[in-house]
Amino acid sequence: MPPKIVVVCGPTATGKTKLGVALAKALGGEVVSADSMQIYRNMAIGTACPSEEEREGIPHHMMAIADPGDNYSVARYVEEAAACVDDILARGKVPILVGGTGQYIDSLCAGRTFSAFRPESGQRERLQKMAAQGGLPGLWEDLQKIDPEAAEKLHPNDERRIIRALEIWYETGKTITQHNRETQAIPPRYEACTITLTYADRADLYARIDRRVDVMMEMGLVEEVKALLASGVPAHCTAMQAIGYKEMTDAVANNGDLQAAAEEVKLRSRQYAKRQLTWFRRNREAHWIYLPKEPDFTSVLRDSTEFLREKGLG
């Protein structure tokens, strides 16, 4: 049987950090972040990275481990987070995986492997150059011939995924469809005891998100963005395309209306929360906690610990 770990997930602004810390205290655990933006250094405000005070002395892993200019991938996350989880387990403690990036959570728990990207091969650069020169339709046709099942699932204009599928084929001789099937046949690496938080009323969730953005602005999100740009972080890199950073970067670069940019951040954050909920609903084994407008954290913690006790934890 795979080892058990706790997963605390849900859309943004639902109190995952607070519950993760409380469960770590109750179970003798340590927190492993599953947030695709908290991995970056010097981006604490826009990613709502928990402060030392909020961590309450509980060790937190997979936070501020990469430079904003890095091309951080799911594959790298799985490799590095699995090492953290295995180390926590080896020390007799309980890993508490906390975050809202569903792909990170699912890939880690499944033990999913990824075909390694070898930049020295030049394949990705070659394919990107072809696409940039108007060759994306031809690449799409190539994928239809090589892997029609994968091509059927992709939009003909989805440049990134088309290139990735072709890259895997040229580098490994396997289609991405075959690679995914082989990976899915592998038994899960961890047994995830999943708690999903959200608000019973969607309007309450959206109000919390809006308030969080207001707090980020008060804390200095604009100054954080300016400091990142001044340090040489490219405006077009993956980290700076994240919600909050992209809007503020555009506003700063064009002397735009910062308040209007903040309203755009709120809108995009609400849209992202909706997508997160769609992703997490796919997990039929998760224990959902629907929060009232003013959550009673004592009740949330009790509900969570009772569920985990039933799962053999605690």
C-alpha atoms as a PDB file:
ATOM      1  CA  MET A   1       0.000   0.000   0.000  1.00  0.00           C
ATOM      2  CA  PRO A   2       1.291   3.483  -0.818  1.00  0.00           C
ATOM      3  CA  PRO A   3       2.001   5.745   2.152  1.00  0.00           C
ATOM      4  CA  LYS A   4      -0.772   8.109   3.207  1.00  0.00           C
ATOM      5  CA  ILE A   5      -0.445  11.855   2.958  1.00  0.00           C
ATOM      6  CA  VAL A   6      -2.886  14.661   3.727  1.00  0.00           C
ATOM      7  CA  VAL A   7      -3.975  16.999   0.932  1.00  0.00           C
ATOM      8  CA  VAL A   8      -5.643  20.336   1.685  1.00  0.00           C
ATOM      9  CA  CYS A   9      -6.839  21.929  -1.542  1.00  0.00           C
ATOM     10  CA  GLY A  10      -9.501  24.200  -2.947  1.00  0.00           C
ATOM     11  CA  PRO A  11      -9.792  27.540  -4.735  1.00  0.00           C
ATOM     12  CA  THR A  12      -7.855  30.594  -3.713  1.00  0.00           C
ATOM     13  CA  ALA A  13      -8.734  32.500  -0.513  1.00  0.00           C
ATOM     14  CA  THR A  14     -10.459  29.635   1.322  1.00  0.00           C
ATOM     15  CA  GLY A  15      -8.137  29.248   4.317  1.00  0.00           C
ATOM     16  CA  LYS A  16      -6.011  26.344   3.113  1.00  0.00           C
ATOM     17  CA  THR A  17      -2.837  27.705   4.722  1.00  0.00           C
ATOM     18  CA  LYS A  18      -4.441  28.055   8.153  1.00  0.00           C
ATOM     19  CA  LEU A  19      -5.948  24.561   8.045  1.00  0.00           C
ATOM     20  CA  GLY A  20      -2.691  23.025   6.800  1.00  0.00           C
ATOM     21  CA  VAL A  21      -0.761  24.504   9.715  1.00  0.00           C
ATOM     22  CA  ALA A  22      -3.401  23.373  12.235  1.00  0.00           C
ATOM     23  CA  LEU A  23      -3.406  19.823  10.876  1.00  0.00           C
ATOM     24  CA  ALA A  24       0.386  19.714  10.894  1.00  0.00           C
ATOM     25  CA  LYS A  25       0.281  20.641  14.587  1.00  0.00           C
ATOM     26  CA  ALA A  26      -2.410  18.063  15.342  1.00  0.00           C
ATOM     27  CA  LEU A  27      -0.792  15.203  13.414  1.00  0.00           C
ATOM     28  CA  GLY A  28       2.893  15.946  13.866  1.00  0.00           C
ATOM     29  CA  GLY A  29       3.347  16.931  10.264  1.00  0.00           C
ATOM     30  CA  GLU A  30       5.091  19.321   7.917  1.00  0.00           C
ATOM     31  CA  VAL A  31       3.625  21.341   5.062  1.00  0.00           C
ATOM     32  CA  VAL A  32       4.579  20.878   1.421  1.00  0.00           C
ATOM     33  CA  SER A  33       3.280  23.644  -0.835  1.00  0.00           C
ATOM     34  CA  ALA A  34       1.371  22.722  -3.982  1.00  0.00           C
ATOM     35  CA  ASP A  35       1.154  26.214  -5.409  1.00  0.00           C
ATOM     36  CA  SER A  36       2.674  26.858  -8.824  1.00  0.00           C
ATOM     37  CA  MET A  37       3.516  30.463  -7.937  1.00  0.00           C
ATOM     38  CA  GLN A  38       4.750  30.192  -4.350  1.00  0.00           C
ATOM     39  CA  ILE A  39       7.756  28.299  -5.673  1.00  0.00           C
ATOM     40  CA  TYR A  40       9.259  31.612  -6.858  1.00  0.00           C
ATOM     41  CA  ARG A  41      11.473  33.876  -4.783  1.00  0.00           C
ATOM     42  CA  ASN A  42      10.672  37.549  -4.166  1.00  0.00           C
ATOM     43  CA  MET A  43       7.016  37.117  -5.096  1.00  0.00           C
ATOM     44  CA  ALA A  44       5.499  36.711  -1.641  1.00  0.00           C
ATOM     45  CA  ILE A  45       2.792  39.368  -1.855  1.00  0.00           C
ATOM     46  CA  GLY A  46       1.158  38.442  -5.155  1.00  0.00           C
ATOM     47  CA  THR A  47       1.258  34.725  -4.373  1.00  0.00           C
ATOM     48  CA  ALA A  48      -0.069  35.103  -0.792  1.00  0.00           C
ATOM     49  CA  CYS A  49       2.930  33.135   0.426  1.00  0.00           C
ATOM     50  CA  PRO A  50       2.459  32.547   4.192  1.00  0.00           C
ATOM     51  CA  SER A  51       4.628  34.641   6.469  1.00  0.00           C
ATOM     52  CA  GLU A  52       6.756  33.175   9.234  1.00  0.00           C
ATOM     53  CA  GLU A  53       4.060  34.250  11.673  1.00  0.00           C
ATOM     54  CA  GLU A  54       1.377  32.429   9.685  1.00  0.00           C
ATOM     55  CA  ARG A  55       3.493  29.277   9.540  1.00  0.00           C
ATOM     56  CA  GLU A  56       3.486  29.159  13.361  1.00  0.00           C
ATOM     57  CA  GLY A  57       6.778  27.285  13.529  1.00  0.00           C
ATOM     58  CA  ILE A  58       5.659  24.487  11.208  1.00  0.00           C
ATOM     59  CA  PRO A  59       8.261  23.617   8.550  1.00  0.00           C
ATOM     60  CA  HIS A  60       7.090  24.552   5.054  1.00  0.00           C
ATOM     61  CA  HIS A  61       8.674  23.097   1.922  1.00  0.00           C
ATOM     62  CA  MET A  62       8.582  23.963  -1.802  1.00  0.00           C
ATOM     63  CA  MET A  63       8.288  27.707  -1.253  1.00  0.00           C
ATOM     64  CA  ALA A  64      10.640  30.344  -2.713  1.00  0.00           C
ATOM     65  CA  ILE A  65      12.902  27.704  -4.247  1.00  0.00           C
ATOM     66  CA  ALA A  66      13.167  29.028  -7.826  1.00  0.00           C
ATOM     67  CA  ASP A  67      14.149  32.276  -9.481  1.00  0.00           C
ATOM     68  CA  PRO A  68      11.260  34.104 -11.200  1.00  0.00           C
ATOM     69  CA  GLY A  69      13.035  33.811 -14.532  1.00  0.00           C
ATOM     70  CA  ASP A  70      13.229  30.018 -14.319  1.00  0.00           C
ATOM     71  CA  ASN A  71      11.139  27.894 -16.670  1.00  0.00           C
ATOM     72  CA  TYR A  72       9.722  25.808 -13.830  1.00  0.00           C
ATOM     73  CA  SER A  73       7.780  22.699 -14.889  1.00  0.00           C
ATOM     74  CA  VAL A  74       5.358  20.171 -13.427  1.00  0.00           C
ATOM     75  CA  ALA A  75       8.051  17.530 -13.913  1.00  0.00           C
ATOM     76  CA  ARG A  76      10.503  19.495 -11.795  1.00  0.00           C
ATOM     77  CA  TYR A  77       7.876  20.038  -9.127  1.00  0.00           C
ATOM     78  CA  VAL A  78       7.055  16.327  -8.912  1.00  0.00           C
ATOM     79  CA  GLU A  79      10.727  15.410  -8.604  1.00  0.00           C
ATOM     80  CA  GLU A  80      11.520  17.987  -5.923  1.00  0.00           C
ATOM     81  CA  ALA A  81       8.256  17.731  -3.962  1.00  0.00           C
ATOM     82  CA  ALA A  82       8.435  13.917  -3.887  1.00  0.00           C
ATOM     83  CA  ALA A  83      11.888  14.178  -2.329  1.00  0.00           C
ATOM     84  CA  CYS A  84      10.416  16.435   0.386  1.00  0.00           C
ATOM     85  CA  VAL A  85       7.447  14.135   1.013  1.00  0.00           C
ATOM     86  CA  ASP A  86       9.629  11.023   1.187  1.00  0.00           C
ATOM     87  CA  ASP A  87      11.987  12.723   3.619  1.00  0.00           C
ATOM     88  CA  ILE A  88       9.077  13.742   5.876  1.00  0.00           C
ATOM     89  CA  LEU A  89       7.730  10.187   5.818  1.00  0.00           C
ATOM     90  CA  ALA A  90      11.193   8.759   6.545  1.00  0.00           C
ATOM     91  CA  ARG A  91      11.345  10.908   9.683  1.00  0.00           C
ATOM     92  CA  GLY A  92       8.043   9.489  10.912  1.00  0.00           C
ATOM     93  CA  LYS A  93       6.047  12.643  10.264  1.00  0.00           C
ATOM     94  CA  VAL A  94       2.925  13.318   8.205  1.00  0.00           C
ATOM     95  CA  PRO A  95       3.241  15.269   4.938  1.00  0.00           C
ATOM     96  CA  ILE A  96       0.510  17.893   4.563  1.00  0.00           C
ATOM     97  CA  LEU A  97       0.250  18.902   0.904  1.00  0.00           C
ATOM     98  CA  VAL A  98      -1.381  22.339   0.741  1.00  0.00           C
ATOM     99  CA  GLY A  99      -2.278  24.344  -2.341  1.00  0.00           C
ATOM    100  CA  GLY A 100      -4.574  25.116  -5.200  1.00  0.00           C
ATOM    101  CA  THR A 101      -2.616  23.878  -8.220  1.00  0.00           C
ATOM    102  CA  GLY A 102      -4.519  20.736  -9.108  1.00  0.00           C
ATOM    103  CA  GLN A 103      -2.049  19.502 -11.703  1.00  0.00           C
ATOM    104  CA  TYR A 104       0.783  19.644  -9.194  1.00  0.00           C
ATOM    105  CA  ILE A 105      -1.252  17.745  -6.592  1.00  0.00           C
ATOM    106  CA  ASP A 106      -2.521  15.051  -8.942  1.00  0.00           C
ATOM    107  CA  SER A 107       0.832  14.516 -10.646  1.00  0.00           C
ATOM    108  CA  LEU A 108       2.693  14.216  -7.338  1.00  0.00           C
ATOM    109  CA  CYS A 109       0.225  11.820  -5.742  1.00  0.00           C
ATOM    110  CA  ALA A 110       0.048   9.664  -8.856  1.00  0.00           C
ATOM    111  CA  GLY A 111       3.825   9.481  -9.132  1.00  0.00           C
ATOM    112  CA  ARG A 112       3.447  10.675 -12.693  1.00  0.00           C
ATOM    113  CA  THR A 113       6.594  10.683 -14.770  1.00  0.00           C
ATOM    114  CA  PHE A 114       7.298  13.138 -17.543  1.00  0.00           C
ATOM    115  CA  SER A 115       9.385  12.761 -20.625  1.00  0.00           C
ATOM    116  CA  ALA A 116      12.446  14.841 -19.882  1.00  0.00           C
ATOM    117  CA  PHE A 117      13.061  17.973 -21.883  1.00  0.00           C
ATOM    118  CA  ARG A 118      16.612  18.006 -23.176  1.00  0.00           C
ATOM    119  CA  PRO A 119      17.395  21.565 -24.305  1.00  0.00           C
ATOM    120  CA  GLU A 120      20.629  20.399 -25.892  1.00  0.00           C
ATOM    121  CA  SER A 121      18.662  18.373 -28.457  1.00  0.00           C
ATOM    122  CA  GLY A 122      17.392  21.555 -30.088  1.00  0.00           C
ATOM    123  CA  GLN A 123      14.044  19.958 -30.913  1.00  0.00           C
ATOM    124  CA  ARG A 124      11.889  22.451 -29.025  1.00  0.00           C
ATOM    125  CA  GLU A 125      13.773  25.405 -30.449  1.00  0.00           C
ATOM    126  CA  ARG A 126      13.418  23.997 -33.969  1.00  0.00           C
ATOM    127  CA  LEU A 127       9.678  23.456 -33.575  1.00  0.00           C
ATOM    128  CA  GLN A 128       9.131  26.867 -31.976  1.00  0.00           C
ATOM    129  CA  LYS A 129      10.988  28.520 -34.842  1.00  0.00           C
ATOM    130  CA  MET A 130       8.809  26.701 -37.359  1.00  0.00           C
ATOM    131  CA  ALA A 131       5.671  27.824 -35.539  1.00  0.00           C
ATOM    132  CA  ALA A 132       6.898  31.422 -35.358  1.00  0.00           C
ATOM    133  CA  GLN A 133       7.469  31.430 -39.109  1.00  0.00           C
ATOM    134  CA  GLY A 134       3.850  30.479 -39.769  1.00  0.00           C
ATOM    135  CA  GLY A 135       4.347  26.745 -39.706  1.00  0.00           C
ATOM    136  CA  LEU A 136       1.928  25.854 -36.885  1.00  0.00           C
ATOM    137  CA  PRO A 137      -0.706  24.415 -39.298  1.00  0.00           C
ATOM    138  CA  GLY A 138       1.971  22.098 -40.692  1.00  0.00           C
ATOM    139  CA  LEU A 139       3.010  21.013 -37.199  1.00  0.00           C
ATOM    140  CA  TRP A 140      -0.634  20.313 -36.425  1.00  0.00           C
ATOM    141  CA  GLU A 141      -0.906  18.143 -39.553  1.00  0.00           C
ATOM    142  CA  ASP A 142       2.279  16.283 -38.535  1.00  0.00           C
ATOM    143  CA  LEU A 143       0.770  15.542 -35.123  1.00  0.00           C
ATOM    144  CA  GLN A 144      -2.433  14.293 -36.742  1.00  0.00           C
ATOM    145  CA  LYS A 145      -0.367  11.738 -38.674  1.00  0.00           C
ATOM    146  CA  ILE A 146       1.912  10.764 -35.769  1.00  0.00           C
ATOM    147  CA  ASP A 147      -0.606  10.738 -32.922  1.00  0.00           C
ATOM    148  CA  PRO A 148      -4.189  11.295 -34.126  1.00  0.00           C
ATOM    149  CA  GLU A 149      -5.612  10.612 -30.653  1.00  0.00           C
ATOM    150  CA  ALA A 150      -3.579  13.415 -29.095  1.00  0.00           C
ATOM    151  CA  ALA A 151      -4.281  15.756 -32.020  1.00  0.00           C
ATOM    152  CA  GLU A 152      -8.026  15.259 -31.606  1.00  0.00           C
ATOM    153  CA  LYS A 153      -7.819  16.562 -28.006  1.00  0.00           C
ATOM    154  CA  LEU A 154      -5.897  19.707 -28.920  1.00  0.00           C
ATOM    155  CA  HIS A 155      -6.986  22.916 -30.608  1.00  0.00           C
ATOM    156  CA  PRO A 156      -5.063  23.506 -33.861  1.00  0.00           C
ATOM    157  CA  ASN A 157      -3.811  26.814 -32.406  1.00  0.00           C
ATOM    158  CA  ASP A 158      -2.559  25.317 -29.111  1.00  0.00           C
ATOM    159  CA  GLU A 159       1.065  25.908 -30.013  1.00  0.00           C
ATOM    160  CA  ARG A 160       2.607  24.933 -26.674  1.00  0.00           C
ATOM    161  CA  ARG A 161       0.930  21.514 -26.424  1.00  0.00           C
ATOM    162  CA  ILE A 162       1.350  20.676 -30.102  1.00  0.00           C
ATOM    163  CA  ILE A 163       5.066  21.399 -29.851  1.00  0.00           C
ATOM    164  CA  ARG A 164       5.345  19.382 -26.623  1.00  0.00           C
ATOM    165  CA  ALA A 165       3.634  16.358 -28.199  1.00  0.00           C
ATOM    166  CA  LEU A 166       5.905  16.471 -31.235  1.00  0.00           C
ATOM    167  CA  GLU A 167       8.974  17.032 -29.088  1.00  0.00           C
ATOM    168  CA  ILE A 168       8.250  13.860 -27.110  1.00  0.00           C
ATOM    169  CA  TRP A 169       7.857  11.910 -30.342  1.00  0.00           C
ATOM    170  CA  TYR A 170      11.093  13.141 -31.871  1.00  0.00           C
ATOM    171  CA  GLU A 171      13.101  12.654 -28.680  1.00  0.00           C
ATOM    172  CA  THR A 172      11.716   9.303 -27.466  1.00  0.00           C
ATOM    173  CA  GLY A 173      10.081   7.599 -30.439  1.00  0.00           C
ATOM    174  CA  LYS A 174       6.892   7.337 -28.349  1.00  0.00           C
ATOM    175  CA  THR A 175       3.724   9.310 -28.860  1.00  0.00           C
ATOM    176  CA  ILE A 176       2.502  11.407 -25.958  1.00  0.00           C
ATOM    177  CA  THR A 177      -0.612   9.211 -25.913  1.00  0.00           C
ATOM    178  CA  GLN A 178       1.494   6.082 -25.376  1.00  0.00           C
ATOM    179  CA  HIS A 179       3.588   7.859 -22.746  1.00  0.00           C
ATOM    180  CA  ASN A 180       0.477   8.958 -20.830  1.00  0.00           C
ATOM    181  CA  ARG A 181      -1.035   5.458 -20.913  1.00  0.00           C
ATOM    182  CA  GLU A 182       2.153   3.908 -19.585  1.00  0.00           C
ATOM    183  CA  THR A 183       2.295   6.491 -16.825  1.00  0.00           C
ATOM    184  CA  GLN A 184      -1.341   6.030 -15.818  1.00  0.00           C
ATOM    185  CA  ALA A 185      -0.779   2.289 -15.447  1.00  0.00           C
ATOM    186  CA  ILE A 186       1.728   2.910 -12.647  1.00  0.00           C
ATOM    187  CA  PRO A 187       0.217   2.470  -9.138  1.00  0.00           C
ATOM    188  CA  PRO A 188      -0.159   5.759  -7.218  1.00  0.00           C
ATOM    189  CA  ARG A 189       2.898   6.895  -5.302  1.00  0.00           C
ATOM    190  CA  TYR A 190       0.868   8.182  -2.334  1.00  0.00           C
ATOM    191  CA  GLU A 191      -2.598   7.596  -0.946  1.00  0.00           C
ATOM    192  CA  ALA A 192      -4.061  11.087  -0.791  1.00  0.00           C
ATOM    193  CA  CYS A 193      -6.498  11.801   2.036  1.00  0.00           C
ATOM    194  CA  THR A 194      -7.981  14.906   0.468  1.00  0.00           C
ATOM    195  CA  ILE A 195      -9.858  17.749   2.129  1.00  0.00           C
ATOM    196  CA  THR A 196     -11.278  20.351  -0.254  1.00  0.00           C
ATOM    197  CA  LEU A 197     -12.340  23.748   1.062  1.00  0.00           C
ATOM    198  CA  THR A 198     -14.758  26.136  -0.590  1.00  0.00           C
ATOM    199  CA  TYR A 199     -17.569  28.483   0.333  1.00  0.00           C
ATOM    200  CA  ALA A 200     -21.141  27.233   0.213  1.00  0.00           C
ATOM    201  CA  ASP A 201     -22.147  30.462  -1.514  1.00  0.00           C
ATOM    202  CA  ARG A 202     -20.034  31.373  -4.545  1.00  0.00           C
ATOM    203  CA  ALA A 203     -20.644  35.066  -3.817  1.00  0.00           C
ATOM    204  CA  ASP A 204     -18.873  34.701  -0.457  1.00  0.00           C
ATOM    205  CA  LEU A 205     -15.880  33.114  -2.178  1.00  0.00           C
ATOM    206  CA  TYR A 206     -15.694  35.940  -4.683  1.00  0.00           C
ATOM    207  CA  ALA A 207     -15.953  38.547  -1.923  1.00  0.00           C
ATOM    208  CA  ARG A 208     -13.016  36.893  -0.130  1.00  0.00           C
ATOM    209  CA  ILE A 209     -10.991  36.931  -3.335  1.00  0.00           C
ATOM    210  CA  ASP A 210     -11.715  40.617  -3.903  1.00  0.00           C
ATOM    211  CA  ARG A 211     -10.675  41.435  -0.351  1.00  0.00           C
ATOM    212  CA  ARG A 212      -7.460  39.465  -0.747  1.00  0.00           C
ATOM    213  CA  VAL A 213      -6.518  41.510  -3.804  1.00  0.00           C
ATOM    214  CA  ASP A 214      -7.221  44.721  -1.873  1.00  0.00           C
ATOM    215  CA  VAL A 215      -4.885  43.500   0.882  1.00  0.00           C
ATOM    216  CA  MET A 216      -2.183  42.650  -1.664  1.00  0.00           C
ATOM    217  CA  MET A 217      -2.379  46.181  -3.024  1.00  0.00           C
ATOM    218  CA  GLU A 218      -2.147  47.594   0.507  1.00  0.00           C
ATOM    219  CA  MET A 219       0.875  45.393   1.218  1.00  0.00           C
ATOM    220  CA  GLY A 220       2.753  46.687  -1.833  1.00  0.00           C
ATOM    221  CA  LEU A 221       2.029  44.459  -4.828  1.00  0.00           C
ATOM    222  CA  VAL A 222       2.904  47.275  -7.231  1.00  0.00           C
ATOM    223  CA  GLU A 223       6.233  47.868  -5.503  1.00  0.00           C
ATOM    224  CA  GLU A 224       6.948  44.127  -5.592  1.00  0.00           C
ATOM    225  CA  VAL A 225       6.348  44.060  -9.346  1.00  0.00           C
ATOM    226  CA  LYS A 226       8.558  47.116  -9.886  1.00  0.00           C
ATOM    227  CA  ALA A 227      11.360  45.525  -7.850  1.00  0.00           C
ATOM    228  CA  LEU A 228      11.167  42.311  -9.895  1.00  0.00           C
ATOM    229  CA  LEU A 229      11.371  44.224 -13.180  1.00  0.00           C
ATOM    230  CA  ALA A 230      14.217  46.385 -11.865  1.00  0.00           C
ATOM    231  CA  SER A 231      16.149  43.252 -10.896  1.00  0.00           C
ATOM    232  CA  GLY A 232      16.078  42.069 -14.495  1.00  0.00           C
ATOM    233  CA  VAL A 233      13.207  39.577 -14.385  1.00  0.00           C
ATOM    234  CA  PRO A 234      11.760  39.518 -17.943  1.00  0.00           C
ATOM    235  CA  ALA A 235       8.195  40.806 -18.172  1.00  0.00           C
ATOM    236  CA  HIS A 236       7.335  37.947 -20.543  1.00  0.00           C
ATOM    237  CA  CYS A 237       8.598  35.067 -18.367  1.00  0.00           C
ATOM    238  CA  THR A 238       6.161  32.488 -16.969  1.00  0.00           C
ATOM    239  CA  ALA A 239       6.200  33.853 -13.414  1.00  0.00           C
ATOM    240  CA  MET A 240       5.356  37.381 -14.545  1.00  0.00           C
ATOM    241  CA  GLN A 241       2.409  36.115 -16.592  1.00  0.00           C
ATOM    242  CA  ALA A 242       0.673  34.931 -13.424  1.00  0.00           C
ATOM    243  CA  ILE A 243      -2.513  36.577 -12.230  1.00  0.00           C
ATOM    244  CA  GLY A 244      -1.652  39.770 -10.402  1.00  0.00           C
ATOM    245  CA  TYR A 245       1.787  40.170 -11.889  1.00  0.00           C
ATOM    246  CA  LYS A 246       0.761  40.389 -15.541  1.00  0.00           C
ATOM    247  CA  GLU A 247      -1.869  43.063 -14.913  1.00  0.00           C
ATOM    248  CA  MET A 248       0.406  45.131 -12.707  1.00  0.00           C
ATOM    249  CA  THR A 249       3.353  44.747 -15.075  1.00  0.00           C
ATOM    250  CA  ASP A 250       1.236  46.039 -17.956  1.00  0.00           C
ATOM    251  CA  ALA A 251      -0.015  48.956 -15.852  1.00  0.00           C
ATOM    252  CA  VAL A 252       3.472  49.886 -14.657  1.00  0.00           C
ATOM    253  CA  ALA A 253       4.973  49.654 -18.150  1.00  0.00           C
ATOM    254  CA  ASN A 254       2.256  51.803 -19.719  1.00  0.00           C
ATOM    255  CA  ASN A 255       1.625  54.230 -16.849  1.00  0.00           C
ATOM    256  CA  GLY A 256      -1.811  52.695 -16.620  1.00  0.00           C
ATOM    257  CA  ASP A 257      -4.538  52.982 -14.002  1.00  0.00           C
ATOM    258  CA  LEU A 258      -3.404  50.842 -11.059  1.00  0.00           C
ATOM    259  CA  GLN A 259      -6.889  50.626  -9.579  1.00  0.00           C
ATOM    260  CA  ALA A 260      -8.279  49.428 -12.900  1.00  0.00           C
ATOM    261  CA  ALA A 261      -5.487  46.846 -12.988  1.00  0.00           C
ATOM    262  CA  ALA A 262      -6.461  45.692  -9.487  1.00  0.00           C
ATOM    263  CA  GLU A 263     -10.069  45.236 -10.639  1.00  0.00           C
ATOM    264  CA  GLU A 264      -8.778  43.138 -13.527  1.00  0.00           C
ATOM    265  CA  VAL A 265      -6.788  41.021 -11.058  1.00  0.00           C
ATOM    266  CA  LYS A 266      -9.980  40.434  -9.074  1.00  0.00           C
ATOM    267  CA  LEU A 267     -11.861  39.361 -12.189  1.00  0.00           C
ATOM    268  CA  ARG A 268      -9.146  36.979 -13.347  1.00  0.00           C
ATOM    269  CA  SER A 269      -8.777  35.565  -9.829  1.00  0.00           C
ATOM    270  CA  ARG A 270     -12.507  34.823  -9.658  1.00  0.00           C
ATOM    271  CA  GLN A 271     -12.329  33.142 -13.054  1.00  0.00           C
ATOM    272  CA  TYR A 272      -9.360  31.093 -11.881  1.00  0.00           C
ATOM    273  CA  ALA A 273     -11.238  30.007  -8.750  1.00  0.00           C
ATOM    274  CA  LYS A 274     -14.046  28.730 -10.943  1.00  0.00           C
ATOM    275  CA  ARG A 275     -11.564  26.650 -12.956  1.00  0.00           C
ATOM    276  CA  GLN A 276     -10.017  25.324  -9.742  1.00  0.00           C
ATOM    277  CA  LEU A 277     -13.413  24.137  -8.524  1.00  0.00           C
ATOM    278  CA  THR A 278     -14.017  22.352 -11.819  1.00  0.00           C
ATOM    279  CA  TRP A 279     -10.675  20.551 -11.480  1.00  0.00           C
ATOM    280  CA  PHE A 280     -11.134  19.514  -7.848  1.00  0.00           C
ATOM    281  CA  ARG A 281     -14.653  18.185  -8.418  1.00  0.00           C
ATOM    282  CA  ARG A 282     -13.147  15.385 -10.492  1.00  0.00           C
ATOM    283  CA  ASN A 283     -11.870  13.766  -7.301  1.00  0.00           C
ATOM    284  CA  ARG A 284     -14.757  11.643  -6.006  1.00  0.00           C
ATOM    285  CA  GLU A 285     -12.785  10.576  -2.944  1.00  0.00           C
ATOM    286  CA  ALA A 286     -12.284  14.081  -1.582  1.00  0.00           C
ATOM    287  CA  HIS A 287     -13.942  15.254   1.616  1.00  0.00           C
ATOM    288  CA  TRP A 288     -15.542  18.623   0.861  1.00  0.00           C
ATOM    289  CA  ILE A 289     -16.060  21.279   3.520  1.00  0.00           C
ATOM    290  CA  TYR A 290     -18.494  24.015   2.514  1.00  0.00           C
ATOM    291  CA  LEU A 291     -17.772  27.166   4.469  1.00  0.00           C
ATOM    292  CA  PRO A 292     -20.408  29.674   5.615  1.00  0.00           C
ATOM    293  CA  LYS A 293     -19.916  33.397   5.081  1.00  0.00           C
ATOM    294  CA  GLU A 294     -18.124  33.664   8.430  1.00  0.00           C
ATOM    295  CA  PRO A 295     -16.323  30.316   8.889  1.00  0.00           C
ATOM    296  CA  ASP A 296     -15.975  28.724  12.321  1.00  0.00           C
ATOM    297  CA  PHE A 297     -12.392  27.470  12.139  1.00  0.00           C
ATOM    298  CA  THR A 298     -12.809  25.244  15.195  1.00  0.00           C
ATOM    299  CA  SER A 299     -15.600  23.417  13.381  1.00  0.00           C
ATOM    300  CA  VAL A 300     -13.524  23.154  10.190  1.00  0.00           C
ATOM    301  CA  LEU A 301     -10.600  21.664  12.099  1.00  0.00           C
ATOM    302  CA  ARG A 302     -12.840  19.199  13.941  1.00  0.00           C
ATOM    303  CA  ASP A 303     -14.490  18.097  10.686  1.00  0.00           C
ATOM    304  CA  SER A 304     -11.075  17.641   9.065  1.00  0.00           C
ATOM    305  CA  THR A 305      -9.516  15.656  11.912  1.00  0.00           C
ATOM    306  CA  GLU A 306     -12.553  13.374  12.116  1.00  0.00           C
ATOM    307  CA  PHE A 307     -12.268  12.621   8.403  1.00  0.00           C
ATOM    308  CA  LEU A 308      -8.546  11.926   8.693  1.00  0.00           C
ATOM    309  CA  ARG A 309      -9.086   9.716  11.728  1.00  0.00           C
ATOM    310  CA  GLU A 310     -11.443   7.607   9.637  1.00  0.00           C
ATOM    311  CA  LYS A 311      -8.648   7.346   7.088  1.00  0.00           C
ATOM    312  CA  GLY A 312      -6.249   6.074   9.745  1.00  0.00           C
ATOM    313  CA  LEU A 313      -4.427   9.331  10.393  1.00  0.00           C
ATOM    314  CA  GLY A 314      -4.438  10.839  13.860  1.00  0.00           C
END
